[in-house]
PDB file of N, CA and C in Angstrom:
ATOM      1  N   MET A   1      -1.485  19.900  25.143  1.00  0.00           N
ATOM      2  CA  MET A   1      -1.842  18.660  24.501  1.00  0.00           C
ATOM      3  C   MET A   1      -1.657  17.502  25.458  1.00  0.00           C
ATOM      4  N   LYS A   2      -2.564  16.559  25.389  1.00  0.00           N
ATOM      5  CA  LYS A   2      -2.439  15.365  26.202  1.00  0.00           C
ATOM      6  C   LYS A   2      -1.360  14.466  25.607  1.00  0.00           C
ATOM      7  N   THR A   3      -0.638  13.796  26.461  1.00  0.00           N
ATOM      8  CA  THR A   3       0.405  12.897  25.989  1.00  0.00           C
ATOM      9  C   THR A   3      -0.146  11.490  25.818  1.00  0.00           C
ATOM     10  N   ALA A   4       0.471  10.742  24.934  1.00  0.00           N
ATOM     11  CA  ALA A   4       0.191   9.313  24.700  1.00  0.00           C
ATOM     12  C   ALA A   4      -1.201   9.039  24.139  1.00  0.00           C
ATOM     13  N   ILE A   5      -1.853   9.997  23.500  1.00  0.00           N
ATOM     14  CA  ILE A   5      -3.153   9.721  22.877  1.00  0.00           C
ATOM     15  C   ILE A   5      -3.093   9.860  21.362  1.00  0.00           C
ATOM     16  N   HIS A   6      -2.017  10.401  20.832  1.00  0.00           N
ATOM     17  CA  HIS A   6      -1.910  10.637  19.404  1.00  0.00           C
ATOM     18  C   HIS A   6      -1.166   9.484  18.725  1.00  0.00           C
ATOM     19  N   PRO A   7      -1.578   9.124  17.502  1.00  0.00           N
ATOM     20  CA  PRO A   7      -0.874   8.047  16.802  1.00  0.00           C
ATOM     21  C   PRO A   7       0.535   8.499  16.392  1.00  0.00           C
ATOM     22  N   GLU A   8       1.392   7.519  16.190  1.00  0.00           N
ATOM     23  CA  GLU A   8       2.766   7.811  15.796  1.00  0.00           C
ATOM     24  C   GLU A   8       2.793   8.351  14.365  1.00  0.00           C
ATOM     25  N   TYR A   9       3.524   9.428  14.163  1.00  0.00           N
ATOM     26  CA  TYR A   9       3.661  10.079  12.859  1.00  0.00           C
ATOM     27  C   TYR A   9       5.017   9.661  12.299  1.00  0.00           C
ATOM     28  N   ARG A  10       5.029   8.846  11.222  1.00  0.00           N
ATOM     29  CA  ARG A  10       6.264   8.257  10.727  1.00  0.00           C
ATOM     30  C   ARG A  10       6.371   8.355   9.222  1.00  0.00           C
ATOM     31  N   TYR A  11       7.571   8.093   8.714  1.00  0.00           N
ATOM     32  CA  TYR A  11       7.793   8.051   7.276  1.00  0.00           C
ATOM     33  C   TYR A  11       7.252   6.742   6.716  1.00  0.00           C
ATOM     34  N   VAL A  12       6.591   6.843   5.558  1.00  0.00           N
ATOM     35  CA  VAL A  12       6.000   5.692   4.885  1.00  0.00           C
ATOM     36  C   VAL A  12       6.189   5.875   3.381  1.00  0.00           C
ATOM     37  N   ILE A  13       6.385   4.783   2.668  1.00  0.00           N
ATOM     38  CA  ILE A  13       6.466   4.813   1.201  1.00  0.00           C
ATOM     39  C   ILE A  13       5.084   4.492   0.651  1.00  0.00           C
ATOM     40  N   PHE A  14       4.531   5.394  -0.158  1.00  0.00           N
ATOM     41  CA  PHE A  14       3.283   5.125  -0.861  1.00  0.00           C
ATOM     42  C   PHE A  14       3.635   4.635  -2.257  1.00  0.00           C
ATOM     43  N   ASN A  15       3.153   3.446  -2.610  1.00  0.00           N
ATOM     44  CA  ASN A  15       3.437   2.820  -3.896  1.00  0.00           C
ATOM     45  C   ASN A  15       2.193   2.886  -4.769  1.00  0.00           C
ATOM     46  N   ASP A  16       2.257   3.660  -5.868  1.00  0.00           N
ATOM     47  CA  ASP A  16       1.141   3.766  -6.814  1.00  0.00           C
ATOM     48  C   ASP A  16       1.157   2.530  -7.699  1.00  0.00           C
ATOM     49  N   LEU A  17       0.148   1.674  -7.581  1.00  0.00           N
ATOM     50  CA  LEU A  17       0.100   0.435  -8.341  1.00  0.00           C
ATOM     51  C   LEU A  17      -0.131   0.665  -9.832  1.00  0.00           C
ATOM     52  N   ALA A  18      -0.790   1.760 -10.192  1.00  0.00           N
ATOM     53  CA  ALA A  18      -1.091   2.028 -11.600  1.00  0.00           C
ATOM     54  C   ALA A  18       0.131   2.517 -12.370  1.00  0.00           C
ATOM     55  N   SER A  19       0.936   3.393 -11.762  1.00  0.00           N
ATOM     56  CA  SER A  19       2.074   3.959 -12.483  1.00  0.00           C
ATOM     57  C   SER A  19       3.416   3.417 -12.019  1.00  0.00           C
ATOM     58  N   GLY A  20       3.451   2.785 -10.849  1.00  0.00           N
ATOM     59  CA  GLY A  20       4.694   2.271 -10.318  1.00  0.00           C
ATOM     60  C   GLY A  20       5.540   3.300  -9.589  1.00  0.00           C
ATOM     61  N   GLU A  21       5.055   4.527  -9.487  1.00  0.00           N
ATOM     62  CA  GLU A  21       5.802   5.583  -8.800  1.00  0.00           C
ATOM     63  C   GLU A  21       5.714   5.379  -7.291  1.00  0.00           C
ATOM     64  N   LYS A  22       6.820   5.649  -6.623  1.00  0.00           N
ATOM     65  CA  LYS A  22       6.874   5.544  -5.169  1.00  0.00           C
ATOM     66  C   LYS A  22       7.150   6.917  -4.578  1.00  0.00           C
ATOM     67  N   ILE A  23       6.475   7.234  -3.461  1.00  0.00           N
ATOM     68  CA  ILE A  23       6.597   8.537  -2.811  1.00  0.00           C
ATOM     69  C   ILE A  23       6.883   8.307  -1.338  1.00  0.00           C
ATOM     70  N   LEU A  24       7.904   8.954  -0.818  1.00  0.00           N
ATOM     71  CA  LEU A  24       8.204   8.891   0.605  1.00  0.00           C
ATOM     72  C   LEU A  24       7.605  10.124   1.267  1.00  0.00           C
ATOM     73  N   THR A  25       6.733   9.890   2.230  1.00  0.00           N
ATOM     74  CA  THR A  25       6.084  10.986   2.938  1.00  0.00           C
ATOM     75  C   THR A  25       5.803  10.532   4.363  1.00  0.00           C
ATOM     76  N   ARG A  26       5.256  11.422   5.148  1.00  0.00           N
ATOM     77  CA  ARG A  26       4.941  11.082   6.536  1.00  0.00           C
ATOM     78  C   ARG A  26       3.439  10.931   6.704  1.00  0.00           C
ATOM     79  N   THR A  27       3.052   9.985   7.556  1.00  0.00           N
ATOM     80  CA  THR A  27       1.647   9.716   7.808  1.00  0.00           C
ATOM     81  C   THR A  27       1.500   8.963   9.127  1.00  0.00           C
ATOM     82  N   THR A  28       0.271   8.823   9.584  1.00  0.00           N
ATOM     83  CA  THR A  28       0.004   8.020  10.774  1.00  0.00           C
ATOM     84  C   THR A  28      -0.378   6.597  10.399  1.00  0.00           C
ATOM     85  N   ALA A  29      -0.604   6.336   9.108  1.00  0.00           N
ATOM     86  CA  ALA A  29      -0.943   4.986   8.651  1.00  0.00           C
ATOM     87  C   ALA A  29       0.284   4.083   8.769  1.00  0.00           C
ATOM     88  N   ASN A  30       0.030   2.794   8.954  1.00  0.00           N
ATOM     89  CA  ASN A  30       1.121   1.845   9.093  1.00  0.00           C
ATOM     90  C   ASN A  30       0.847   0.626   8.229  1.00  0.00           C
ATOM     91  N   SER A  31       1.878  -0.145   7.963  1.00  0.00           N
ATOM     92  CA  SER A  31       1.755  -1.333   7.154  1.00  0.00           C
ATOM     93  C   SER A  31       2.787  -2.349   7.609  1.00  0.00           C
ATOM     94  N   GLU A  32       2.476  -3.620   7.431  1.00  0.00           N
ATOM     95  CA  GLU A  32       3.429  -4.689   7.762  1.00  0.00           C
ATOM     96  C   GLU A  32       4.462  -4.852   6.652  1.00  0.00           C
ATOM     97  N   LYS A  33       4.094  -4.481   5.424  1.00  0.00           N
ATOM     98  CA  LYS A  33       4.987  -4.605   4.276  1.00  0.00           C
ATOM     99  C   LYS A  33       6.049  -3.502   4.346  1.00  0.00           C
ATOM    100  N   THR A  34       7.310  -3.839   4.079  1.00  0.00           N
ATOM    101  CA  THR A  34       8.385  -2.854   4.137  1.00  0.00           C
ATOM    102  C   THR A  34       9.225  -2.911   2.870  1.00  0.00           C
ATOM    103  N   ALA A  35       9.952  -1.825   2.626  1.00  0.00           N
ATOM    104  CA  ALA A  35      10.863  -1.754   1.474  1.00  0.00           C
ATOM    105  C   ALA A  35      11.993  -0.790   1.812  1.00  0.00           C
ATOM    106  N   GLU A  36      13.091  -0.957   1.104  1.00  0.00           N
ATOM    107  CA  GLU A  36      14.230  -0.067   1.300  1.00  0.00           C
ATOM    108  C   GLU A  36      14.114   1.119   0.353  1.00  0.00           C
ATOM    109  N   TRP A  37      14.331   2.315   0.873  1.00  0.00           N
ATOM    110  CA  TRP A  37      14.256   3.551   0.100  1.00  0.00           C
ATOM    111  C   TRP A  37      15.639   3.919  -0.410  1.00  0.00           C
ATOM    112  N   GLU A  38      15.731   4.940  -1.243  1.00  0.00           N
ATOM    113  CA  GLU A  38      16.983   5.376  -1.859  1.00  0.00           C
ATOM    114  C   GLU A  38      18.043   5.769  -0.836  1.00  0.00           C
ATOM    115  N   ASP A  39      17.623   6.197   0.351  1.00  0.00           N
ATOM    116  CA  ASP A  39      18.582   6.623   1.374  1.00  0.00           C
ATOM    117  C   ASP A  39      19.155   5.449   2.164  1.00  0.00           C
ATOM    118  N   GLY A  40      18.732   4.225   1.844  1.00  0.00           N
ATOM    119  CA  GLY A  40      19.235   3.036   2.522  1.00  0.00           C
ATOM    120  C   GLY A  40      18.425   2.604   3.721  1.00  0.00           C
ATOM    121  N   ASN A  41      17.462   3.392   4.143  1.00  0.00           N
ATOM    122  CA  ASN A  41      16.611   3.046   5.282  1.00  0.00           C
ATOM    123  C   ASN A  41      15.417   2.214   4.834  1.00  0.00           C
ATOM    124  N   THR A  42      14.881   1.420   5.736  1.00  0.00           N
ATOM    125  CA  THR A  42      13.708   0.595   5.461  1.00  0.00           C
ATOM    126  C   THR A  42      12.484   1.268   6.066  1.00  0.00           C
ATOM    127  N   TYR A  43      11.427   1.400   5.242  1.00  0.00           N
ATOM    128  CA  TYR A  43      10.190   2.055   5.663  1.00  0.00           C
ATOM    129  C   TYR A  43       9.000   1.156   5.353  1.00  0.00           C
ATOM    130  N   PRO A  44       7.878   1.334   6.077  1.00  0.00           N
ATOM    131  CA  PRO A  44       6.647   0.619   5.723  1.00  0.00           C
ATOM    132  C   PRO A  44       6.150   1.082   4.347  1.00  0.00           C
ATOM    133  N   VAL A  45       5.499   0.179   3.617  1.00  0.00           N
ATOM    134  CA  VAL A  45       4.975   0.481   2.276  1.00  0.00           C
ATOM    135  C   VAL A  45       3.459   0.351   2.291  1.00  0.00           C
ATOM    136  N   ILE A  46       2.783   1.362   1.752  1.00  0.00           N
ATOM    137  CA  ILE A  46       1.331   1.328   1.592  1.00  0.00           C
ATOM    138  C   ILE A  46       1.035   1.399   0.099  1.00  0.00           C
ATOM    139  N   ASP A  47       0.370   0.367  -0.426  1.00  0.00           N
ATOM    140  CA  ASP A  47       0.004   0.328  -1.841  1.00  0.00           C
ATOM    141  C   ASP A  47      -1.299   1.091  -2.041  1.00  0.00           C
ATOM    142  N   VAL A  48      -1.306   1.982  -3.033  1.00  0.00           N
ATOM    143  CA  VAL A  48      -2.516   2.728  -3.382  1.00  0.00           C
ATOM    144  C   VAL A  48      -2.862   2.441  -4.831  1.00  0.00           C
ATOM    145  N   GLU A  49      -4.148   2.384  -5.137  1.00  0.00           N
ATOM    146  CA  GLU A  49      -4.610   2.078  -6.486  1.00  0.00           C
ATOM    147  C   GLU A  49      -4.289   3.210  -7.459  1.00  0.00           C
ATOM    148  N   ILE A  50      -4.410   4.446  -6.984  1.00  0.00           N
ATOM    149  CA  ILE A  50      -4.247   5.592  -7.872  1.00  0.00           C
ATOM    150  C   ILE A  50      -3.727   6.775  -7.062  1.00  0.00           C
ATOM    151  N   SER A  51      -2.898   7.580  -7.680  1.00  0.00           N
ATOM    152  CA  SER A  51      -2.374   8.787  -7.036  1.00  0.00           C
ATOM    153  C   SER A  51      -2.296   9.886  -8.094  1.00  0.00           C
ATOM    154  N   ALA A  52      -1.712  11.010  -7.747  1.00  0.00           N
ATOM    155  CA  ALA A  52      -1.585  12.110  -8.702  1.00  0.00           C
ATOM    156  C   ALA A  52      -0.727  11.702  -9.896  1.00  0.00           C
ATOM    157  N   ALA A  53       0.133  10.708  -9.739  1.00  0.00           N
ATOM    158  CA  ALA A  53       0.987  10.260 -10.841  1.00  0.00           C
ATOM    159  C   ALA A  53       0.213   9.487 -11.900  1.00  0.00           C
ATOM    160  N   SER A  54      -0.947   8.921 -11.545  1.00  0.00           N
ATOM    161  CA  SER A  54      -1.690   8.120 -12.512  1.00  0.00           C
ATOM    162  C   SER A  54      -3.138   8.559 -12.696  1.00  0.00           C
ATOM    163  N   HIS A  55      -3.611   9.532 -11.942  1.00  0.00           N
ATOM    164  CA  HIS A  55      -5.002   9.968 -12.051  1.00  0.00           C
ATOM    165  C   HIS A  55      -5.189  10.786 -13.330  1.00  0.00           C
ATOM    166  N   PRO A  56      -6.244  10.513 -14.107  1.00  0.00           N
ATOM    167  CA  PRO A  56      -6.458  11.225 -15.374  1.00  0.00           C
ATOM    168  C   PRO A  56      -6.566  12.737 -15.227  1.00  0.00           C
ATOM    169  N   PHE A  57      -7.082  13.229 -14.125  1.00  0.00           N
ATOM    170  CA  PHE A  57      -7.210  14.671 -13.938  1.00  0.00           C
ATOM    171  C   PHE A  57      -5.837  15.338 -13.917  1.00  0.00           C
ATOM    172  N   TYR A  58      -4.874  14.714 -13.251  1.00  0.00           N
ATOM    173  CA  TYR A  58      -3.546  15.299 -13.120  1.00  0.00           C
ATOM    174  C   TYR A  58      -2.647  15.000 -14.314  1.00  0.00           C
ATOM    175  N   THR A  59      -2.856  13.855 -14.974  1.00  0.00           N
ATOM    176  CA  THR A  59      -2.000  13.487 -16.103  1.00  0.00           C
ATOM    177  C   THR A  59      -2.518  14.035 -17.425  1.00  0.00           C
ATOM    178  N   GLY A  60      -3.808  14.367 -17.503  1.00  0.00           N
ATOM    179  CA  GLY A  60      -4.386  14.869 -18.749  1.00  0.00           C
ATOM    180  C   GLY A  60      -4.744  13.764 -19.717  1.00  0.00           C
ATOM    181  N   LYS A  61      -4.619  12.519 -19.321  1.00  0.00           N
ATOM    182  CA  LYS A  61      -4.936  11.378 -20.183  1.00  0.00           C
ATOM    183  C   LYS A  61      -6.283  10.805 -19.772  1.00  0.00           C
ATOM    184  N   GLN A  62      -7.335  11.262 -20.424  1.00  0.00           N
ATOM    185  CA  GLN A  62      -8.678  10.801 -20.124  1.00  0.00           C
ATOM    186  C   GLN A  62      -8.965   9.513 -20.881  1.00  0.00           C
ATOM    187  N   ARG A  63      -9.731   8.623 -20.280  1.00  0.00           N
ATOM    188  CA  ARG A  63     -10.176   7.431 -20.980  1.00  0.00           C
ATOM    189  C   ARG A  63     -11.417   7.794 -21.782  1.00  0.00           C
ATOM    190  N   ILE A  64     -11.495   7.333 -22.994  1.00  0.00           N
ATOM    191  CA  ILE A  64     -12.634   7.642 -23.858  1.00  0.00           C
ATOM    192  C   ILE A  64     -13.719   6.597 -23.623  1.00  0.00           C
ATOM    193  N   MET A  65     -14.899   7.076 -23.294  1.00  0.00           N
ATOM    194  CA  MET A  65     -16.029   6.188 -23.044  1.00  0.00           C
ATOM    195  C   MET A  65     -16.769   5.936 -24.362  1.00  0.00           C
ATOM    196  N   ASP A  66     -17.486   4.842 -24.423  1.00  0.00           N
ATOM    197  CA  ASP A  66     -18.276   4.506 -25.596  1.00  0.00           C
ATOM    198  C   ASP A  66     -19.613   5.239 -25.502  1.00  0.00           C
ATOM    199  N   THR A  67     -19.585   6.556 -25.741  1.00  0.00           N
ATOM    200  CA  THR A  67     -20.803   7.345 -25.606  1.00  0.00           C
ATOM    201  C   THR A  67     -21.750   7.122 -26.776  1.00  0.00           C
ATOM    202  N   ALA A  68     -21.219   6.844 -27.959  1.00  0.00           N
ATOM    203  CA  ALA A  68     -22.091   6.635 -29.119  1.00  0.00           C
ATOM    204  C   ALA A  68     -22.971   5.416 -28.908  1.00  0.00           C
ATOM    205  N   GLY A  69     -22.414   4.340 -28.420  1.00  0.00           N
ATOM    206  CA  GLY A  69     -23.192   3.132 -28.168  1.00  0.00           C
ATOM    207  C   GLY A  69     -24.235   3.350 -27.096  1.00  0.00           C
ATOM    208  N   ARG A  70     -23.932   4.119 -26.098  1.00  0.00           N
ATOM    209  CA  ARG A  70     -24.878   4.399 -25.027  1.00  0.00           C
ATOM    210  C   ARG A  70     -26.038   5.244 -25.524  1.00  0.00           C
ATOM    211  N   VAL A  71     -25.727   6.244 -26.340  1.00  0.00           N
ATOM    212  CA  VAL A  71     -26.778   7.114 -26.880  1.00  0.00           C
ATOM    213  C   VAL A  71     -27.694   6.318 -27.797  1.00  0.00           C
ATOM    214  N   GLU A  72     -27.130   5.454 -28.643  1.00  0.00           N
ATOM    215  CA  GLU A  72     -27.950   4.640 -29.547  1.00  0.00           C
ATOM    216  C   GLU A  72     -28.850   3.686 -28.768  1.00  0.00           C
ATOM    217  N   ARG A  73     -28.335   3.080 -27.715  1.00  0.00           N
ATOM    218  CA  ARG A  73     -29.162   2.185 -26.893  1.00  0.00           C
ATOM    219  C   ARG A  73     -30.280   2.956 -26.211  1.00  0.00           C
ATOM    220  N   PHE A  74     -29.985   4.170 -25.720  1.00  0.00           N
ATOM    221  CA  PHE A  74     -31.006   4.992 -25.079  1.00  0.00           C
ATOM    222  C   PHE A  74     -32.099   5.350 -26.075  1.00  0.00           C
ATOM    223  N   ASN A  75     -31.708   5.805 -27.267  1.00  0.00           N
ATOM    224  CA  ASN A  75     -32.698   6.185 -28.280  1.00  0.00           C
ATOM    225  C   ASN A  75     -33.535   4.996 -28.712  1.00  0.00           C
ATOM    226  N   ALA A  76     -32.941   3.821 -28.860  1.00  0.00           N
ATOM    227  CA  ALA A  76     -33.691   2.633 -29.252  1.00  0.00           C
ATOM    228  C   ALA A  76     -34.663   2.222 -28.145  1.00  0.00           C
ATOM    229  N   ARG A  77     -34.258   2.377 -26.930  1.00  0.00           N
ATOM    230  CA  ARG A  77     -35.096   1.976 -25.806  1.00  0.00           C
ATOM    231  C   ARG A  77     -36.310   2.876 -25.650  1.00  0.00           C
ATOM    232  N   PHE A  78     -36.129   4.173 -25.863  1.00  0.00           N
ATOM    233  CA  PHE A  78     -37.206   5.128 -25.642  1.00  0.00           C
ATOM    234  C   PHE A  78     -37.704   5.746 -26.962  1.00  0.00           C
ATOM    235  N   LYS A  79     -37.657   4.991 -28.026  1.00  0.00           N
ATOM    236  CA  LYS A  79     -38.022   5.489 -29.367  1.00  0.00           C
ATOM    237  C   LYS A  79     -39.475   5.980 -29.416  1.00  0.00           C
ATOM    238  N   GLY A  80     -40.394   5.225 -28.881  1.00  0.00           N
ATOM    239  CA  GLY A  80     -41.808   5.597 -28.969  1.00  0.00           C
ATOM    240  C   GLY A  80     -42.315   6.335 -27.743  1.00  0.00           C
ATOM    241  N   PHE A  81     -41.490   6.619 -26.809  1.00  0.00           N
ATOM    242  CA  PHE A  81     -41.913   7.246 -25.548  1.00  0.00           C
ATOM    243  C   PHE A  81     -42.154   8.738 -25.772  1.00  0.00           C
ATOM    244  N   GLY A  82     -43.266   9.244 -25.299  1.00  0.00           N
ATOM    245  CA  GLY A  82     -43.557  10.676 -25.384  1.00  0.00           C
ATOM    246  C   GLY A  82     -43.911  11.144 -26.783  1.00  0.00           C
ATOM    247  N   GLY A  83     -44.464  10.258 -27.576  1.00  0.00           N
ATOM    248  CA  GLY A  83     -44.852  10.628 -28.942  1.00  0.00           C
ATOM    249  C   GLY A  83     -46.007  11.625 -28.946  1.00  0.00           C
ATOM    250  N   LYS A  84     -46.208  12.271 -30.103  1.00  0.00           N
ATOM    251  CA  LYS A  84     -47.273  13.261 -30.236  1.00  0.00           C
ATOM    252  C   LYS A  84     -48.621  12.572 -30.227  1.00  0.00           C
ATOM    253  N   LYS A  85     -49.614  13.236 -29.612  1.00  0.00           N
ATOM    254  CA  LYS A  85     -50.971  12.675 -29.523  1.00  0.00           C
ATOM    255  C   LYS A  85     -51.887  13.377 -30.466  1.00  0.00           C
TER     256      LYS A  85
END
């Protein structure tokens, strides 16, 4: 392996903005924002919009869409389209 061409691999706190859960892991990403972790050390913090802690696929909490309103609008829009001749 060539030396001095790879990014630094360091500990970073990922902060899930949706659920508030924080995860300490290693990555090459960096951030100017820092926070103190449970072990007393200070690490860079990367805010993420969604993670496994808040994603509907992993939590099982799906958002219900207004499908009835969409179907009614579609039917009203194309009511006379493709009629019998």
